[in-house]
Amino acid sequence: MARKPNYQFERQERDRQKAAKTALKADAKREQRARDRGEFEPPADPPADET
């Protein structure tokens, strides 16, 4: 038997995924502009755990 559709939830999920993708693109563009200007500092590597 097919499931009952939950249109509101599905729409929210699509919107959430689209917003996340848009944010990633904006971050990449911001970093690229900073690199082009010579202002970019790459993030520091996290310290290695020595356990």
PDB file of N, CA and C in Angstrom:
ATOM      1  N   MET A   1       0.837  -1.172   0.000  1.00  0.00           N
ATOM      2  CA  MET A   1       0.000   0.000   0.000  1.00  0.00           C
ATOM      3  C   MET A   1       0.893   1.249   0.000  1.00  0.00           C
ATOM      4  N   ALA A   2       0.529   2.222  -0.776  1.00  0.00           N
ATOM      5  CA  ALA A   2       1.310   3.448  -0.894  1.00  0.00           C
ATOM      6  C   ALA A   2       1.146   4.308   0.363  1.00  0.00           C
ATOM      7  N   ARG A   3       2.164   5.076   0.653  1.00  0.00           N
ATOM      8  CA  ARG A   3       2.097   5.936   1.829  1.00  0.00           C
ATOM      9  C   ARG A   3       1.290   7.192   1.523  1.00  0.00           C
ATOM     10  N   LYS A   4       0.782   7.805   2.566  1.00  0.00           N
ATOM     11  CA  LYS A   4       0.038   9.048   2.413  1.00  0.00           C
ATOM     12  C   LYS A   4       1.048  10.189   2.230  1.00  0.00           C
ATOM     13  N   PRO A   5       0.903  11.004   1.210  1.00  0.00           N
ATOM     14  CA  PRO A   5       1.873  12.076   0.984  1.00  0.00           C
ATOM     15  C   PRO A   5       1.770  13.173   2.046  1.00  0.00           C
ATOM     16  N   ASN A   6       2.917  13.697   2.403  1.00  0.00           N
ATOM     17  CA  ASN A   6       2.986  14.795   3.354  1.00  0.00           C
ATOM     18  C   ASN A   6       3.626  15.967   2.606  1.00  0.00           C
ATOM     19  N   TYR A   7       2.811  16.694   1.870  1.00  0.00           N
ATOM     20  CA  TYR A   7       3.303  17.723   0.969  1.00  0.00           C
ATOM     21  C   TYR A   7       4.068  18.821   1.694  1.00  0.00           C
ATOM     22  N   GLN A   8       3.575  19.245   2.846  1.00  0.00           N
ATOM     23  CA  GLN A   8       4.234  20.331   3.570  1.00  0.00           C
ATOM     24  C   GLN A   8       5.650  19.928   3.984  1.00  0.00           C
ATOM     25  N   PHE A   9       5.806  18.731   4.528  1.00  0.00           N
ATOM     26  CA  PHE A   9       7.123  18.262   4.956  1.00  0.00           C
ATOM     27  C   PHE A   9       8.060  18.137   3.759  1.00  0.00           C
ATOM     28  N   GLU A  10       7.566  17.567   2.675  1.00  0.00           N
ATOM     29  CA  GLU A  10       8.397  17.393   1.488  1.00  0.00           C
ATOM     30  C   GLU A  10       8.849  18.744   0.943  1.00  0.00           C
ATOM     31  N   ARG A  11       7.967  19.709   0.954  1.00  0.00           N
ATOM     32  CA  ARG A  11       8.309  21.053   0.482  1.00  0.00           C
ATOM     33  C   ARG A  11       9.369  21.675   1.382  1.00  0.00           C
ATOM     34  N   GLN A  12       9.201  21.524   2.703  1.00  0.00           N
ATOM     35  CA  GLN A  12      10.187  22.061   3.648  1.00  0.00           C
ATOM     36  C   GLN A  12      11.556  21.424   3.423  1.00  0.00           C
ATOM     37  N   GLU A  13      11.586  20.127   3.173  1.00  0.00           N
ATOM     38  CA  GLU A  13      12.856  19.440   2.933  1.00  0.00           C
ATOM     39  C   GLU A  13      13.526  19.946   1.658  1.00  0.00           C
ATOM     40  N   ARG A  14      12.749  20.123   0.604  1.00  0.00           N
ATOM     41  CA  ARG A  14      13.310  20.659  -0.643  1.00  0.00           C
ATOM     42  C   ARG A  14      13.863  22.061  -0.421  1.00  0.00           C
ATOM     43  N   ASP A  15      13.112  22.892   0.292  1.00  0.00           N
ATOM     44  CA  ASP A  15      13.559  24.255   0.572  1.00  0.00           C
ATOM     45  C   ASP A  15      14.823  24.261   1.419  1.00  0.00           C
ATOM     46  N   ARG A  16      14.889  23.362   2.411  1.00  0.00           N
ATOM     47  CA  ARG A  16      16.065  23.275   3.274  1.00  0.00           C
ATOM     48  C   ARG A  16      17.298  22.869   2.464  1.00  0.00           C
ATOM     49  N   GLN A  17      17.126  21.877   1.585  1.00  0.00           N
ATOM     50  CA  GLN A  17      18.245  21.429   0.761  1.00  0.00           C
ATOM     51  C   GLN A  17      18.701  22.528  -0.199  1.00  0.00           C
ATOM     52  N   LYS A  18      17.747  23.250  -0.756  1.00  0.00           N
ATOM     53  CA  LYS A  18      18.079  24.334  -1.671  1.00  0.00           C
ATOM     54  C   LYS A  18      18.832  25.448  -0.941  1.00  0.00           C
ATOM     55  N   ALA A  19      18.398  25.773   0.269  1.00  0.00           N
ATOM     56  CA  ALA A  19      19.061  26.810   1.056  1.00  0.00           C
ATOM     57  C   ALA A  19      20.496  26.397   1.408  1.00  0.00           C
ATOM     58  N   ALA A  20      20.687  25.131   1.748  1.00  0.00           N
ATOM     59  CA  ALA A  20      22.026  24.642   2.081  1.00  0.00           C
ATOM     60  C   ALA A  20      22.936  24.721   0.860  1.00  0.00           C
ATOM     61  N   LYS A  21      22.428  24.340  -0.294  1.00  0.00           N
ATOM     62  CA  LYS A  21      23.211  24.385  -1.524  1.00  0.00           C
ATOM     63  C   LYS A  21      23.570  25.829  -1.876  1.00  0.00           C
ATOM     64  N   THR A  22      22.613  26.725  -1.731  1.00  0.00           N
ATOM     65  CA  THR A  22      22.844  28.142  -2.013  1.00  0.00           C
ATOM     66  C   THR A  22      23.904  28.711  -1.074  1.00  0.00           C
ATOM     67  N   ALA A  23      23.842  28.321   0.198  1.00  0.00           N
ATOM     68  CA  ALA A  23      24.821  28.801   1.171  1.00  0.00           C
ATOM     69  C   ALA A  23      26.229  28.305   0.824  1.00  0.00           C
ATOM     70  N   LEU A  24      26.344  27.062   0.389  1.00  0.00           N
ATOM     71  CA  LEU A  24      27.656  26.529  -0.003  1.00  0.00           C
ATOM     72  C   LEU A  24      28.216  27.294  -1.194  1.00  0.00           C
ATOM     73  N   LYS A  25      27.365  27.580  -2.162  1.00  0.00           N
ATOM     74  CA  LYS A  25      27.817  28.325  -3.336  1.00  0.00           C
ATOM     75  C   LYS A  25      28.261  29.729  -2.936  1.00  0.00           C
ATOM     76  N   ALA A  26      27.504  30.375  -2.050  1.00  0.00           N
ATOM     77  CA  ALA A  26      27.847  31.715  -1.612  1.00  0.00           C
ATOM     78  C   ALA A  26      29.190  31.710  -0.880  1.00  0.00           C
ATOM     79  N   ASP A  27      29.421  30.700  -0.050  1.00  0.00           N
ATOM     80  CA  ASP A  27      30.699  30.569   0.654  1.00  0.00           C
ATOM     81  C   ASP A  27      31.855  30.421  -0.332  1.00  0.00           C
ATOM     82  N   ALA A  28      31.658  29.573  -1.325  1.00  0.00           N
ATOM     83  CA  ALA A  28      32.702  29.343  -2.313  1.00  0.00           C
ATOM     84  C   ALA A  28      33.007  30.628  -3.075  1.00  0.00           C
ATOM     85  N   LYS A  29      31.977  31.370  -3.438  1.00  0.00           N
ATOM     86  CA  LYS A  29      32.191  32.632  -4.153  1.00  0.00           C
ATOM     87  C   LYS A  29      32.912  33.643  -3.272  1.00  0.00           C
ATOM     88  N   ARG A  30      32.532  33.704  -1.996  1.00  0.00           N
ATOM     89  CA  ARG A  30      33.163  34.640  -1.069  1.00  0.00           C
ATOM     90  C   ARG A  30      34.655  34.319  -0.930  1.00  0.00           C
ATOM     91  N   GLU A  31      34.976  33.036  -0.797  1.00  0.00           N
ATOM     92  CA  GLU A  31      36.375  32.631  -0.676  1.00  0.00           C
ATOM     93  C   GLU A  31      37.139  32.928  -1.956  1.00  0.00           C
ATOM     94  N   GLN A  32      36.513  32.700  -3.103  1.00  0.00           N
ATOM     95  CA  GLN A  32      37.178  32.966  -4.370  1.00  0.00           C
ATOM     96  C   GLN A  32      37.472  34.454  -4.535  1.00  0.00           C
ATOM     97  N   ARG A  33      36.523  35.307  -4.166  1.00  0.00           N
ATOM     98  CA  ARG A  33      36.747  36.750  -4.246  1.00  0.00           C
ATOM     99  C   ARG A  33      37.893  37.156  -3.323  1.00  0.00           C
ATOM    100  N   ALA A  34      37.933  36.577  -2.133  1.00  0.00           N
ATOM    101  CA  ALA A  34      39.006  36.895  -1.190  1.00  0.00           C
ATOM    102  C   ALA A  34      40.354  36.438  -1.747  1.00  0.00           C
ATOM    103  N   ARG A  35      40.386  35.255  -2.369  1.00  0.00           N
ATOM    104  CA  ARG A  35      41.624  34.766  -2.974  1.00  0.00           C
ATOM    105  C   ARG A  35      42.078  35.697  -4.092  1.00  0.00           C
ATOM    106  N   ASP A  36      41.143  36.139  -4.912  1.00  0.00           N
ATOM    107  CA  ASP A  36      41.485  37.024  -6.022  1.00  0.00           C
ATOM    108  C   ASP A  36      42.058  38.348  -5.523  1.00  0.00           C
ATOM    109  N   ARG A  37      41.585  38.824  -4.377  1.00  0.00           N
ATOM    110  CA  ARG A  37      42.076  40.077  -3.801  1.00  0.00           C
ATOM    111  C   ARG A  37      43.355  39.868  -2.999  1.00  0.00           C
ATOM    112  N   GLY A  38      43.688  38.616  -2.715  1.00  0.00           N
ATOM    113  CA  GLY A  38      44.871  38.334  -1.919  1.00  0.00           C
ATOM    114  C   GLY A  38      44.607  38.422  -0.433  1.00  0.00           C
ATOM    115  N   GLU A  39      43.356  38.369  -0.021  1.00  0.00           N
ATOM    116  CA  GLU A  39      42.999  38.475   1.393  1.00  0.00           C
ATOM    117  C   GLU A  39      42.717  37.126   2.028  1.00  0.00           C
ATOM    118  N   PHE A  40      42.798  36.086   1.265  1.00  0.00           N
ATOM    119  CA  PHE A  40      42.368  34.770   1.754  1.00  0.00           C
ATOM    120  C   PHE A  40      43.420  34.148   2.649  1.00  0.00           C
ATOM    121  N   GLU A  41      42.979  33.671   3.806  1.00  0.00           N
ATOM    122  CA  GLU A  41      43.830  32.899   4.698  1.00  0.00           C
ATOM    123  C   GLU A  41      43.161  31.546   4.888  1.00  0.00           C
ATOM    124  N   PRO A  42      43.774  30.476   4.421  1.00  0.00           N
ATOM    125  CA  PRO A  42      43.137  29.163   4.564  1.00  0.00           C
ATOM    126  C   PRO A  42      42.939  28.812   6.035  1.00  0.00           C
ATOM    127  N   PRO A  43      41.873  28.088   6.342  1.00  0.00           N
ATOM    128  CA  PRO A  43      41.643  27.712   7.742  1.00  0.00           C
ATOM    129  C   PRO A  43      42.780  26.847   8.270  1.00  0.00           C
ATOM    130  N   ALA A  44      43.107  27.041   9.528  1.00  0.00           N
ATOM    131  CA  ALA A  44      44.187  26.283  10.150  1.00  0.00           C
ATOM    132  C   ALA A  44      43.778  24.822  10.276  1.00  0.00           C
ATOM    133  N   ASP A  45      44.765  23.943  10.125  1.00  0.00           N
ATOM    134  CA  ASP A  45      44.478  22.514  10.284  1.00  0.00           C
ATOM    135  C   ASP A  45      44.155  22.240  11.748  1.00  0.00           C
ATOM    136  N   PRO A  46      43.166  21.391  11.993  1.00  0.00           N
ATOM    137  CA  PRO A  46      42.849  21.059  13.389  1.00  0.00           C
ATOM    138  C   PRO A  46      44.012  20.286  14.012  1.00  0.00           C
ATOM    139  N   PRO A  47      44.243  20.477  15.293  1.00  0.00           N
ATOM    140  CA  PRO A  47      45.352  19.746  15.936  1.00  0.00           C
ATOM    141  C   PRO A  47      45.078  18.241  15.925  1.00  0.00           C
ATOM    142  N   ALA A  48      46.141  17.494  15.717  1.00  0.00           N
ATOM    143  CA  ALA A  48      46.010  16.033  15.676  1.00  0.00           C
ATOM    144  C   ALA A  48      45.812  15.492  17.088  1.00  0.00           C
ATOM    145  N   ASP A  49      44.867  14.589  17.236  1.00  0.00           N
ATOM    146  CA  ASP A  49      44.644  13.944  18.532  1.00  0.00           C
ATOM    147  C   ASP A  49      45.716  12.886  18.749  1.00  0.00           C
ATOM    148  N   GLU A  50      46.388  12.997  19.838  1.00  0.00           N
ATOM    149  CA  GLU A  50      47.414  12.022  20.166  1.00  0.00           C
ATOM    150  C   GLU A  50      46.963  11.228  21.369  1.00  0.00           C
ATOM    151  N   THR A  51      46.106  10.270  21.123  1.00  0.00           N
ATOM    152  CA  THR A  51      45.602   9.450  22.232  1.00  0.00           C
ATOM    153  C   THR A  51      46.134   8.064  22.185  1.00  0.00           C
TER     154      THR A  51
END
